[in-house]
Every structure is written in C-alpha cells, then in structure tokens.
Amino acid sequence: MEAGLNSTTFWLAIGLVLLVEGFMPFVSPSTWRQTFAQILRLTDGQLRFFGLISLLLGLLLIWWLA
C-alpha cells in the first residue's frame, strides 16, 4: 500500500471530523448549546490560545502517526 496522503485518506479524515463534530449536538443538544454559549463568552486571546493548542496537538499527532 502506498504511504502518504491520497484522496481516500483525505475523505476518511473529513468523515471522521464530521462524525466527531456531530456527536454532541445529536446526543445532547442542550449540553452542546450551553457549551457553545460558554465558548462565545471567551475573549479573543483565550480563543486564540485554545486554537493554538489544538493546532499544535493536531500537528504533533500527525507527526507521530506519519
């Protein structure tokens, strides 16, 4: 099997993201709504911090698995 990113891998990754993102609104919409409301109250700096941490963890995971 060919190593690296191909079309199937890309679409599987997109599907996994959609699956994870859709889980909470489907299972517990009220909890998801409350969590989203809390996120909206964060400052720009707090959002950027969490965004940076997410980016770094994602890159670390990709590097570790590749």
PDB file of N, CA and C in Angstrom:
ATOM      1  N   MET A   1       0.834  -1.179   0.000  1.00  0.00           N
ATOM      2  CA  MET A   1       0.000   0.000   0.000  1.00  0.00           C
ATOM      3  C   MET A   1       0.880   1.244   0.000  1.00  0.00           C
ATOM      4  N   GLU A   2       0.464   2.216  -0.738  1.00  0.00           N
ATOM      5  CA  GLU A   2       1.232   3.441  -0.890  1.00  0.00           C
ATOM      6  C   GLU A   2       1.168   4.282   0.381  1.00  0.00           C
ATOM      7  N   ALA A   3       2.326   4.764   0.828  1.00  0.00           N
ATOM      8  CA  ALA A   3       2.365   5.635   2.007  1.00  0.00           C
ATOM      9  C   ALA A   3       2.030   7.062   1.593  1.00  0.00           C
ATOM     10  N   GLY A   4       1.494   7.827   2.527  1.00  0.00           N
ATOM     11  CA  GLY A   4       1.199   9.229   2.252  1.00  0.00           C
ATOM     12  C   GLY A   4      -0.283   9.486   2.118  1.00  0.00           C
ATOM     13  N   LEU A   5      -0.589  10.728   1.837  1.00  0.00           N
ATOM     14  CA  LEU A   5      -1.977  11.169   1.739  1.00  0.00           C
ATOM     15  C   LEU A   5      -2.502  10.915   0.341  1.00  0.00           C
ATOM     16  N   ASN A   6      -3.657  10.265   0.269  1.00  0.00           N
ATOM     17  CA  ASN A   6      -4.336  10.118  -1.006  1.00  0.00           C
ATOM     18  C   ASN A   6      -5.773  10.558  -0.826  1.00  0.00           C
ATOM     19  N   SER A   7      -6.541  10.515  -1.872  1.00  0.00           N
ATOM     20  CA  SER A   7      -7.908  11.003  -1.838  1.00  0.00           C
ATOM     21  C   SER A   7      -8.758  10.263  -0.813  1.00  0.00           C
ATOM     22  N   THR A   8      -8.621   8.959  -0.739  1.00  0.00           N
ATOM     23  CA  THR A   8      -9.412   8.166   0.202  1.00  0.00           C
ATOM     24  C   THR A   8      -9.080   8.543   1.641  1.00  0.00           C
ATOM     25  N   THR A   9      -7.816   8.702   1.947  1.00  0.00           N
ATOM     26  CA  THR A   9      -7.405   9.084   3.294  1.00  0.00           C
ATOM     27  C   THR A   9      -7.978  10.443   3.658  1.00  0.00           C
ATOM     28  N   PHE A  10      -7.919  11.378   2.727  1.00  0.00           N
ATOM     29  CA  PHE A  10      -8.453  12.721   2.962  1.00  0.00           C
ATOM     30  C   PHE A  10      -9.938  12.662   3.287  1.00  0.00           C
ATOM     31  N   TRP A  11     -10.722  11.949   2.484  1.00  0.00           N
ATOM     32  CA  TRP A  11     -12.166  11.890   2.700  1.00  0.00           C
ATOM     33  C   TRP A  11     -12.521  11.104   3.964  1.00  0.00           C
ATOM     34  N   LEU A  12     -11.718  10.120   4.316  1.00  0.00           N
ATOM     35  CA  LEU A  12     -11.922   9.425   5.593  1.00  0.00           C
ATOM     36  C   LEU A  12     -11.680  10.373   6.763  1.00  0.00           C
ATOM     37  N   ALA A  13     -10.661  11.209   6.660  1.00  0.00           N
ATOM     38  CA  ALA A  13     -10.380  12.183   7.714  1.00  0.00           C
ATOM     39  C   ALA A  13     -11.518  13.198   7.832  1.00  0.00           C
ATOM     40  N   ILE A  14     -12.037  13.674   6.720  1.00  0.00           N
ATOM     41  CA  ILE A  14     -13.161  14.612   6.730  1.00  0.00           C
ATOM     42  C   ILE A  14     -14.385  13.944   7.358  1.00  0.00           C
ATOM     43  N   GLY A  15     -14.638  12.706   6.989  1.00  0.00           N
ATOM     44  CA  GLY A  15     -15.759  11.967   7.560  1.00  0.00           C
ATOM     45  C   GLY A  15     -15.621  11.792   9.058  1.00  0.00           C
ATOM     46  N   LEU A  16     -14.418  11.522   9.540  1.00  0.00           N
ATOM     47  CA  LEU A  16     -14.180  11.375  10.968  1.00  0.00           C
ATOM     48  C   LEU A  16     -14.419  12.698  11.702  1.00  0.00           C
ATOM     49  N   VAL A  17     -13.974  13.802  11.124  1.00  0.00           N
ATOM     50  CA  VAL A  17     -14.217  15.116  11.721  1.00  0.00           C
ATOM     51  C   VAL A  17     -15.717  15.374  11.830  1.00  0.00           C
ATOM     52  N   LEU A  18     -16.464  15.112  10.770  1.00  0.00           N
ATOM     53  CA  LEU A  18     -17.910  15.319  10.790  1.00  0.00           C
ATOM     54  C   LEU A  18     -18.593  14.421  11.813  1.00  0.00           C
ATOM     55  N   LEU A  19     -18.127  13.206  11.932  1.00  0.00           N
ATOM     56  CA  LEU A  19     -18.675  12.272  12.915  1.00  0.00           C
ATOM     57  C   LEU A  19     -18.467  12.794  14.333  1.00  0.00           C
ATOM     58  N   VAL A  20     -17.248  13.226  14.630  1.00  0.00           N
ATOM     59  CA  VAL A  20     -16.934  13.734  15.965  1.00  0.00           C
ATOM     60  C   VAL A  20     -17.690  15.030  16.241  1.00  0.00           C
ATOM     61  N   GLU A  21     -17.719  15.932  15.261  1.00  0.00           N
ATOM     62  CA  GLU A  21     -18.390  17.215  15.440  1.00  0.00           C
ATOM     63  C   GLU A  21     -19.901  17.067  15.593  1.00  0.00           C
ATOM     64  N   GLY A  22     -20.498  16.079  14.978  1.00  0.00           N
ATOM     65  CA  GLY A  22     -21.937  15.903  15.043  1.00  0.00           C
ATOM     66  C   GLY A  22     -22.422  15.092  16.224  1.00  0.00           C
ATOM     67  N   PHE A  23     -21.526  14.461  16.946  1.00  0.00           N
ATOM     68  CA  PHE A  23     -21.921  13.566  18.029  1.00  0.00           C
ATOM     69  C   PHE A  23     -22.653  14.296  19.155  1.00  0.00           C
ATOM     70  N   MET A  24     -22.051  15.339  19.723  1.00  0.00           N
ATOM     71  CA  MET A  24     -22.669  16.030  20.865  1.00  0.00           C
ATOM     72  C   MET A  24     -23.984  16.718  20.513  1.00  0.00           C
ATOM     73  N   PRO A  25     -24.079  17.446  19.397  1.00  0.00           N
ATOM     74  CA  PRO A  25     -25.382  18.049  19.087  1.00  0.00           C
ATOM     75  C   PRO A  25     -26.484  16.998  18.909  1.00  0.00           C
ATOM     76  N   PHE A  26     -26.127  15.821  18.441  1.00  0.00           N
ATOM     77  CA  PHE A  26     -27.117  14.763  18.251  1.00  0.00           C
ATOM     78  C   PHE A  26     -27.516  14.115  19.572  1.00  0.00           C
ATOM     79  N   VAL A  27     -26.513  13.791  20.405  1.00  0.00           N
ATOM     80  CA  VAL A  27     -26.753  13.061  21.642  1.00  0.00           C
ATOM     81  C   VAL A  27     -27.336  13.968  22.729  1.00  0.00           C
ATOM     82  N   SER A  28     -26.801  15.175  22.856  1.00  0.00           N
ATOM     83  CA  SER A  28     -27.229  16.069  23.928  1.00  0.00           C
ATOM     84  C   SER A  28     -27.228  17.519  23.445  1.00  0.00           C
ATOM     85  N   PRO A  29     -28.258  17.905  22.698  1.00  0.00           N
ATOM     86  CA  PRO A  29     -28.273  19.259  22.129  1.00  0.00           C
ATOM     87  C   PRO A  29     -28.255  20.374  23.176  1.00  0.00           C
ATOM     88  N   SER A  30     -28.904  20.169  24.315  1.00  0.00           N
ATOM     89  CA  SER A  30     -28.913  21.235  25.329  1.00  0.00           C
ATOM     90  C   SER A  30     -27.528  21.433  25.929  1.00  0.00           C
ATOM     91  N   THR A  31     -26.815  20.351  26.205  1.00  0.00           N
ATOM     92  CA  THR A  31     -25.448  20.467  26.724  1.00  0.00           C
ATOM     93  C   THR A  31     -24.542  21.116  25.685  1.00  0.00           C
ATOM     94  N   TRP A  32     -24.705  20.745  24.442  1.00  0.00           N
ATOM     95  CA  TRP A  32     -23.903  21.338  23.371  1.00  0.00           C
ATOM     96  C   TRP A  32     -24.185  22.835  23.276  1.00  0.00           C
ATOM     97  N   ARG A  33     -25.437  23.225  23.375  1.00  0.00           N
ATOM     98  CA  ARG A  33     -25.818  24.636  23.300  1.00  0.00           C
ATOM     99  C   ARG A  33     -25.210  25.428  24.466  1.00  0.00           C
ATOM    100  N   GLN A  34     -25.244  24.864  25.678  1.00  0.00           N
ATOM    101  CA  GLN A  34     -24.655  25.531  26.843  1.00  0.00           C
ATOM    102  C   GLN A  34     -23.137  25.681  26.680  1.00  0.00           C
ATOM    103  N   THR A  35     -22.502  24.629  26.197  1.00  0.00           N
ATOM    104  CA  THR A  35     -21.052  24.674  25.976  1.00  0.00           C
ATOM    105  C   THR A  35     -20.704  25.721  24.931  1.00  0.00           C
ATOM    106  N   PHE A  36     -21.477  25.762  23.857  1.00  0.00           N
ATOM    107  CA  PHE A  36     -21.242  26.738  22.791  1.00  0.00           C
ATOM    108  C   PHE A  36     -21.428  28.159  23.318  1.00  0.00           C
ATOM    109  N   ALA A  37     -22.430  28.373  24.175  1.00  0.00           N
ATOM    110  CA  ALA A  37     -22.651  29.696  24.771  1.00  0.00           C
ATOM    111  C   ALA A  37     -21.463  30.103  25.639  1.00  0.00           C
ATOM    112  N   GLN A  38     -20.870  29.158  26.364  1.00  0.00           N
ATOM    113  CA  GLN A  38     -19.683  29.450  27.170  1.00  0.00           C
ATOM    114  C   GLN A  38     -18.501  29.810  26.283  1.00  0.00           C
ATOM    115  N   ILE A  39     -18.370  29.125  25.174  1.00  0.00           N
ATOM    116  CA  ILE A  39     -17.275  29.415  24.239  1.00  0.00           C
ATOM    117  C   ILE A  39     -17.424  30.821  23.676  1.00  0.00           C
ATOM    118  N   LEU A  40     -18.654  31.241  23.399  1.00  0.00           N
ATOM    119  CA  LEU A  40     -18.895  32.583  22.863  1.00  0.00           C
ATOM    120  C   LEU A  40     -18.482  33.682  23.846  1.00  0.00           C
ATOM    121  N   ARG A  41     -18.450  33.380  25.139  1.00  0.00           N
ATOM    122  CA  ARG A  41     -18.072  34.364  26.153  1.00  0.00           C
ATOM    123  C   ARG A  41     -16.558  34.478  26.339  1.00  0.00           C
ATOM    124  N   LEU A  42     -15.783  33.613  25.723  1.00  0.00           N
ATOM    125  CA  LEU A  42     -14.327  33.687  25.843  1.00  0.00           C
ATOM    126  C   LEU A  42     -13.798  34.913  25.112  1.00  0.00           C
ATOM    127  N   THR A  43     -12.700  35.451  25.611  1.00  0.00           N
ATOM    128  CA  THR A  43     -12.057  36.581  24.935  1.00  0.00           C
ATOM    129  C   THR A  43     -11.318  36.080  23.693  1.00  0.00           C
ATOM    130  N   ASP A  44     -10.936  37.023  22.840  1.00  0.00           N
ATOM    131  CA  ASP A  44     -10.176  36.653  21.638  1.00  0.00           C
ATOM    132  C   ASP A  44      -8.873  35.952  22.005  1.00  0.00           C
ATOM    133  N   GLY A  45      -8.209  36.439  23.036  1.00  0.00           N
ATOM    134  CA  GLY A  45      -6.949  35.823  23.462  1.00  0.00           C
ATOM    135  C   GLY A  45      -7.133  34.389  23.937  1.00  0.00           C
ATOM    136  N   GLN A  46      -8.219  34.139  24.669  1.00  0.00           N
ATOM    137  CA  GLN A  46      -8.497  32.778  25.131  1.00  0.00           C
ATOM    138  C   GLN A  46      -8.804  31.861  23.958  1.00  0.00           C
ATOM    139  N   LEU A  47      -9.592  32.354  23.001  1.00  0.00           N
ATOM    140  CA  LEU A  47      -9.897  31.541  21.814  1.00  0.00           C
ATOM    141  C   LEU A  47      -8.635  31.237  21.016  1.00  0.00           C
ATOM    142  N   ARG A  48      -7.767  32.252  20.869  1.00  0.00           N
ATOM    143  CA  ARG A  48      -6.518  32.033  20.138  1.00  0.00           C
ATOM    144  C   ARG A  48      -5.643  31.009  20.848  1.00  0.00           C
ATOM    145  N   PHE A  49      -5.600  31.072  22.178  1.00  0.00           N
ATOM    146  CA  PHE A  49      -4.809  30.106  22.945  1.00  0.00           C
ATOM    147  C   PHE A  49      -5.306  28.686  22.700  1.00  0.00           C
ATOM    148  N   PHE A  50      -6.628  28.481  22.816  1.00  0.00           N
ATOM    149  CA  PHE A  50      -7.175  27.144  22.580  1.00  0.00           C
ATOM    150  C   PHE A  50      -6.990  26.708  21.120  1.00  0.00           C
ATOM    151  N   GLY A  51      -7.094  27.664  20.203  1.00  0.00           N
ATOM    152  CA  GLY A  51      -6.834  27.345  18.798  1.00  0.00           C
ATOM    153  C   GLY A  51      -5.398  26.919  18.579  1.00  0.00           C
ATOM    154  N   LEU A  52      -4.462  27.635  19.198  1.00  0.00           N
ATOM    155  CA  LEU A  52      -3.043  27.289  19.077  1.00  0.00           C
ATOM    156  C   LEU A  52      -2.766  25.912  19.657  1.00  0.00           C
ATOM    157  N   ILE A  53      -3.327  25.625  20.830  1.00  0.00           N
ATOM    158  CA  ILE A  53      -3.126  24.314  21.455  1.00  0.00           C
ATOM    159  C   ILE A  53      -3.689  23.216  20.549  1.00  0.00           C
ATOM    160  N   SER A  54      -4.865  23.452  19.971  1.00  0.00           N
ATOM    161  CA  SER A  54      -5.459  22.465  19.065  1.00  0.00           C
ATOM    162  C   SER A  54      -4.583  22.234  17.836  1.00  0.00           C
ATOM    163  N   LEU A  55      -4.079  23.325  17.267  1.00  0.00           N
ATOM    164  CA  LEU A  55      -3.192  23.196  16.107  1.00  0.00           C
ATOM    165  C   LEU A  55      -1.942  22.400  16.447  1.00  0.00           C
ATOM    166  N   LEU A  56      -1.322  22.733  17.578  1.00  0.00           N
ATOM    167  CA  LEU A  56      -0.096  22.040  17.975  1.00  0.00           C
ATOM    168  C   LEU A  56      -0.346  20.565  18.272  1.00  0.00           C
ATOM    169  N   LEU A  57      -1.452  20.264  18.952  1.00  0.00           N
ATOM    170  CA  LEU A  57      -1.767  18.857  19.222  1.00  0.00           C
ATOM    171  C   LEU A  57      -2.049  18.097  17.930  1.00  0.00           C
ATOM    172  N   GLY A  58      -2.757  18.735  17.002  1.00  0.00           N
ATOM    173  CA  GLY A  58      -3.017  18.099  15.709  1.00  0.00           C
ATOM    174  C   GLY A  58      -1.740  17.830  14.940  1.00  0.00           C
ATOM    175  N   LEU A  59      -0.842  18.821  14.903  1.00  0.00           N
ATOM    176  CA  LEU A  59       0.439  18.632  14.216  1.00  0.00           C
ATOM    177  C   LEU A  59       1.270  17.547  14.881  1.00  0.00           C
ATOM    178  N   LEU A  60       1.271  17.537  16.216  1.00  0.00           N
ATOM    179  CA  LEU A  60       2.008  16.506  16.943  1.00  0.00           C
ATOM    180  C   LEU A  60       1.462  15.118  16.636  1.00  0.00           C
ATOM    181  N   LEU A  61       0.150  14.987  16.607  1.00  0.00           N
ATOM    182  CA  LEU A  61      -0.474  13.698  16.301  1.00  0.00           C
ATOM    183  C   LEU A  61      -0.153  13.249  14.876  1.00  0.00           C
ATOM    184  N   ILE A  62      -0.228  14.178  13.925  1.00  0.00           N
ATOM    185  CA  ILE A  62       0.095  13.849  12.529  1.00  0.00           C
ATOM    186  C   ILE A  62       1.566  13.438  12.415  1.00  0.00           C
ATOM    187  N   TRP A  63       2.457  14.195  13.063  1.00  0.00           N
ATOM    188  CA  TRP A  63       3.876  13.869  13.020  1.00  0.00           C
ATOM    189  C   TRP A  63       4.131  12.499  13.636  1.00  0.00           C
ATOM    190  N   TRP A  64       3.474  12.209  14.765  1.00  0.00           N
ATOM    191  CA  TRP A  64       3.678  10.950  15.474  1.00  0.00           C
ATOM    192  C   TRP A  64       3.179   9.770  14.642  1.00  0.00           C
ATOM    193  N   LEU A  65       2.062   9.930  13.950  1.00  0.00           N
ATOM    194  CA  LEU A  65       1.491   8.830  13.179  1.00  0.00           C
ATOM    195  C   LEU A  65       2.124   8.662  11.793  1.00  0.00           C
ATOM    196  N   ALA A  66       2.735   9.715  11.283  1.00  0.00           N
ATOM    197  CA  ALA A  66       3.281   9.655   9.916  1.00  0.00           C
ATOM    198  C   ALA A  66       4.619   8.961   9.864  1.00  0.00           C
TER     199      ALA A  66
END
